N, C-alpha and C. Protein backbone atom coordinates (compact mmCIF):
# COMPACT_ATOMS: atom_id res chain seq x y z
N MET A 1 17.38 -4.03 0.66
CA MET A 1 15.81 -3.48 0.93
C MET A 1 16.08 -2.08 1.54
N PRO A 2 15.41 -1.17 0.84
CA PRO A 2 15.51 0.30 1.50
C PRO A 2 14.65 0.46 2.54
N LYS A 3 14.99 1.34 3.37
CA LYS A 3 14.14 1.49 4.52
C LYS A 3 12.87 2.19 4.32
N LEU A 4 11.60 1.87 4.67
CA LEU A 4 10.32 2.21 4.34
C LEU A 4 10.32 3.52 4.77
N PRO A 5 9.52 4.26 4.16
CA PRO A 5 9.20 5.53 4.54
C PRO A 5 8.17 5.63 5.51
N VAL A 6 7.80 6.60 5.92
CA VAL A 6 6.68 6.99 6.87
C VAL A 6 5.55 7.44 5.79
N VAL A 7 4.31 6.91 5.25
CA VAL A 7 3.32 7.55 4.64
C VAL A 7 1.98 7.49 5.00
N SER A 8 1.21 8.30 4.54
CA SER A 8 -0.22 8.14 4.81
C SER A 8 -1.05 7.28 3.80
N GLY A 9 -1.97 6.90 4.37
CA GLY A 9 -2.87 5.90 3.68
C GLY A 9 -3.32 6.13 2.61
N LYS A 10 -3.52 7.62 1.99
CA LYS A 10 -3.57 8.03 0.98
C LYS A 10 -2.39 7.82 -0.29
N GLU A 11 -1.42 8.29 0.34
CA GLU A 11 -0.23 8.11 -0.40
C GLU A 11 0.20 6.46 -0.79
N CYS A 12 -0.37 5.55 0.12
CA CYS A 12 0.16 4.42 -0.10
C CYS A 12 -0.97 3.55 -1.29
N ARG A 13 -2.19 4.01 -0.99
CA ARG A 13 -3.29 3.88 -2.03
C ARG A 13 -2.79 4.36 -3.60
N LYS A 14 -2.41 5.48 -3.39
CA LYS A 14 -2.03 6.12 -4.57
C LYS A 14 -0.89 5.27 -5.32
N ALA A 15 0.15 4.81 -4.47
CA ALA A 15 1.25 4.08 -4.93
C ALA A 15 0.84 2.84 -5.55
N LEU A 16 0.02 1.98 -4.67
CA LEU A 16 -0.57 0.80 -4.81
C LEU A 16 -1.34 0.95 -6.55
N THR A 17 -2.11 1.95 -6.47
CA THR A 17 -2.73 2.24 -7.79
C THR A 17 -2.02 2.25 -9.09
N ARG A 18 -0.68 3.07 -9.03
CA ARG A 18 0.60 2.98 -9.85
C ARG A 18 0.84 1.84 -10.31
N LEU A 19 0.92 0.69 -9.29
CA LEU A 19 1.45 -0.70 -9.35
C LEU A 19 0.47 -1.67 -9.85
N GLY A 20 -0.68 -1.14 -10.30
CA GLY A 20 -1.70 -2.04 -10.99
C GLY A 20 -2.76 -2.41 -10.12
N PHE A 21 -2.83 -1.98 -8.81
CA PHE A 21 -3.81 -2.53 -7.86
C PHE A 21 -5.02 -1.69 -8.09
N ILE A 22 -6.19 -1.93 -7.97
CA ILE A 22 -7.75 -1.53 -7.94
C ILE A 22 -8.20 -1.49 -6.64
N GLU A 23 -9.03 -0.45 -6.35
CA GLU A 23 -9.83 -0.46 -4.99
C GLU A 23 -10.89 -1.27 -5.33
N ALA A 24 -10.85 -2.34 -4.43
CA ALA A 24 -12.21 -3.48 -4.66
C ALA A 24 -13.21 -2.86 -3.56
N ARG A 25 -12.98 -2.48 -2.50
CA ARG A 25 -14.18 -1.89 -1.56
C ARG A 25 -13.63 -1.07 -0.70
N GLN A 26 -14.19 -0.57 0.15
CA GLN A 26 -13.80 0.30 1.23
C GLN A 26 -15.06 0.25 2.38
N ARG A 27 -14.72 0.04 3.60
CA ARG A 27 -15.43 -0.08 4.47
C ARG A 27 -14.99 0.78 5.81
N GLY A 28 -15.51 1.82 6.30
CA GLY A 28 -14.97 2.65 7.12
C GLY A 28 -13.61 3.29 6.74
N GLY A 29 -12.64 3.22 7.35
CA GLY A 29 -11.20 3.74 7.40
C GLY A 29 -10.37 2.52 6.67
N HIS A 30 -10.78 1.55 6.11
CA HIS A 30 -9.90 0.77 5.54
C HIS A 30 -10.38 0.48 4.07
N VAL A 31 -9.30 0.38 3.11
CA VAL A 31 -9.88 -0.04 1.68
C VAL A 31 -9.23 -1.24 1.47
N VAL A 32 -9.53 -2.15 0.56
CA VAL A 32 -9.03 -3.16 -0.11
C VAL A 32 -8.98 -3.36 -1.25
N MET A 33 -7.39 -3.36 -1.95
CA MET A 33 -7.04 -3.28 -3.06
C MET A 33 -6.71 -4.58 -3.55
N ARG A 34 -6.90 -4.72 -4.71
CA ARG A 34 -6.89 -6.03 -5.33
C ARG A 34 -6.05 -5.60 -6.82
N ARG A 35 -5.06 -7.00 -6.82
CA ARG A 35 -4.51 -7.17 -8.40
C ARG A 35 -4.27 -8.48 -8.76
N GLY A 36 -5.09 -8.87 -9.41
CA GLY A 36 -5.46 -10.43 -9.87
C GLY A 36 -5.61 -11.04 -8.45
N GLU A 37 -4.95 -12.23 -8.14
CA GLU A 37 -5.51 -12.87 -6.75
C GLU A 37 -4.68 -12.19 -5.68
N ALA A 38 -3.56 -11.41 -5.94
CA ALA A 38 -3.02 -10.55 -4.69
C ALA A 38 -4.06 -9.44 -4.04
N GLY A 39 -4.02 -9.27 -2.87
CA GLY A 39 -4.74 -8.51 -2.40
C GLY A 39 -4.27 -7.88 -1.10
N CYS A 40 -4.62 -6.61 -0.49
CA CYS A 40 -4.25 -6.09 0.81
C CYS A 40 -5.17 -4.95 1.04
N VAL A 41 -5.02 -4.93 2.62
CA VAL A 41 -5.77 -4.02 3.27
C VAL A 41 -5.17 -2.64 3.66
N VAL A 42 -5.59 -1.62 3.29
CA VAL A 42 -4.74 -0.48 3.61
C VAL A 42 -5.61 0.33 4.52
N PRO A 43 -4.93 0.65 5.76
CA PRO A 43 -5.75 1.77 6.54
C PRO A 43 -5.51 3.18 6.15
N MET A 44 -6.73 3.88 5.90
CA MET A 44 -6.81 5.38 5.68
C MET A 44 -6.24 6.34 6.70
N HIS A 45 -5.19 5.68 7.36
CA HIS A 45 -4.79 6.80 8.61
C HIS A 45 -3.93 7.76 8.12
N ALA A 46 -3.76 8.92 8.85
CA ALA A 46 -3.00 10.24 8.44
C ALA A 46 -1.46 9.83 8.49
N GLU A 47 -1.05 8.60 9.32
CA GLU A 47 0.36 8.31 9.26
C GLU A 47 0.26 6.52 9.55
N ILE A 48 0.90 5.73 8.57
CA ILE A 48 0.91 4.29 8.43
C ILE A 48 2.54 4.15 9.41
N LYS A 49 2.30 3.16 10.14
CA LYS A 49 3.45 2.70 10.72
C LYS A 49 4.36 1.86 9.95
N THR A 50 5.79 1.84 9.81
CA THR A 50 6.53 1.03 8.86
C THR A 50 6.45 -0.37 9.08
N GLY A 51 6.06 -0.88 10.27
CA GLY A 51 5.79 -2.32 10.32
C GLY A 51 4.44 -2.65 9.54
N THR A 52 3.54 -1.57 9.74
CA THR A 52 2.18 -2.04 9.07
C THR A 52 2.19 -1.85 7.67
N LEU A 53 3.07 -0.95 7.31
CA LEU A 53 3.45 -0.83 5.92
C LEU A 53 4.12 -1.76 5.35
N ALA A 54 5.25 -2.52 5.97
CA ALA A 54 5.85 -3.78 5.69
C ALA A 54 4.53 -4.76 5.65
N GLY A 55 3.77 -4.99 6.52
CA GLY A 55 2.86 -6.03 6.27
C GLY A 55 1.87 -5.90 5.06
N ILE A 56 1.65 -4.79 4.93
CA ILE A 56 0.98 -4.63 3.64
C ILE A 56 1.59 -4.77 2.24
N LEU A 57 2.65 -4.64 2.36
CA LEU A 57 3.66 -4.94 1.20
C LEU A 57 3.78 -6.46 1.03
N ARG A 58 3.96 -7.26 2.05
CA ARG A 58 3.99 -8.61 2.22
C ARG A 58 2.53 -9.11 1.53
N GLN A 59 1.35 -8.66 2.20
CA GLN A 59 0.41 -9.25 1.54
C GLN A 59 0.22 -8.89 0.05
N ALA A 60 0.30 -7.80 -0.29
CA ALA A 60 0.40 -7.60 -1.65
C ALA A 60 1.36 -8.40 -2.67
N GLY A 61 2.32 -8.61 -2.26
CA GLY A 61 3.45 -9.32 -3.04
C GLY A 61 4.36 -8.37 -3.59
N VAL A 62 4.53 -7.25 -2.97
CA VAL A 62 5.09 -5.99 -3.80
C VAL A 62 6.50 -5.96 -2.96
N ALA A 63 7.36 -5.77 -3.91
CA ALA A 63 8.86 -5.59 -3.07
C ALA A 63 8.86 -4.07 -2.63
N ALA A 64 9.75 -3.99 -1.36
CA ALA A 64 9.90 -2.48 -0.90
C ALA A 64 10.39 -1.61 -1.74
N ASP A 65 11.72 -1.79 -2.69
CA ASP A 65 12.18 -0.97 -3.64
C ASP A 65 11.31 -0.82 -4.79
N GLU A 66 10.44 -1.54 -5.17
CA GLU A 66 9.23 -1.56 -6.11
C GLU A 66 8.46 -0.29 -5.76
N PHE A 67 8.02 -0.36 -4.32
CA PHE A 67 7.00 0.68 -3.77
C PHE A 67 7.50 1.71 -3.51
N VAL A 68 8.81 1.91 -3.29
CA VAL A 68 9.51 3.17 -2.90
C VAL A 68 9.78 3.81 -4.41
N ALA A 69 10.11 3.15 -5.21
CA ALA A 69 10.30 4.09 -6.68
C ALA A 69 9.04 4.18 -7.23
N VAL A 70 7.62 4.02 -6.88
CA VAL A 70 6.85 4.53 -7.40
C VAL A 70 6.06 5.35 -6.52
N LEU A 71 6.66 5.54 -5.43
CA LEU A 71 5.79 6.38 -4.36
C LEU A 71 6.42 7.85 -4.74
N GLY A 72 7.52 8.14 -5.12
CA GLY A 72 7.91 9.71 -5.49
C GLY A 72 7.01 10.01 -6.87
N SER A 73 6.76 9.03 -7.65
CA SER A 73 6.10 9.48 -9.09
C SER A 73 5.09 10.38 -9.05
């Protein structure tokens, strides 16, 4: 498992969109992303801590290396 990078909420949302997630709704500073039955909540912060990002990926059912691969695209 690669080391998770520090990313912003905007970058995280963009990477999840590339993985097939759609923005279901937004309330304040949090966006709910869904792909089928899997979903996750992305805080739209300037910097998401690595532990929070790991939790987001766990919720979404996305592997860390899969996320890192589409992050740079």
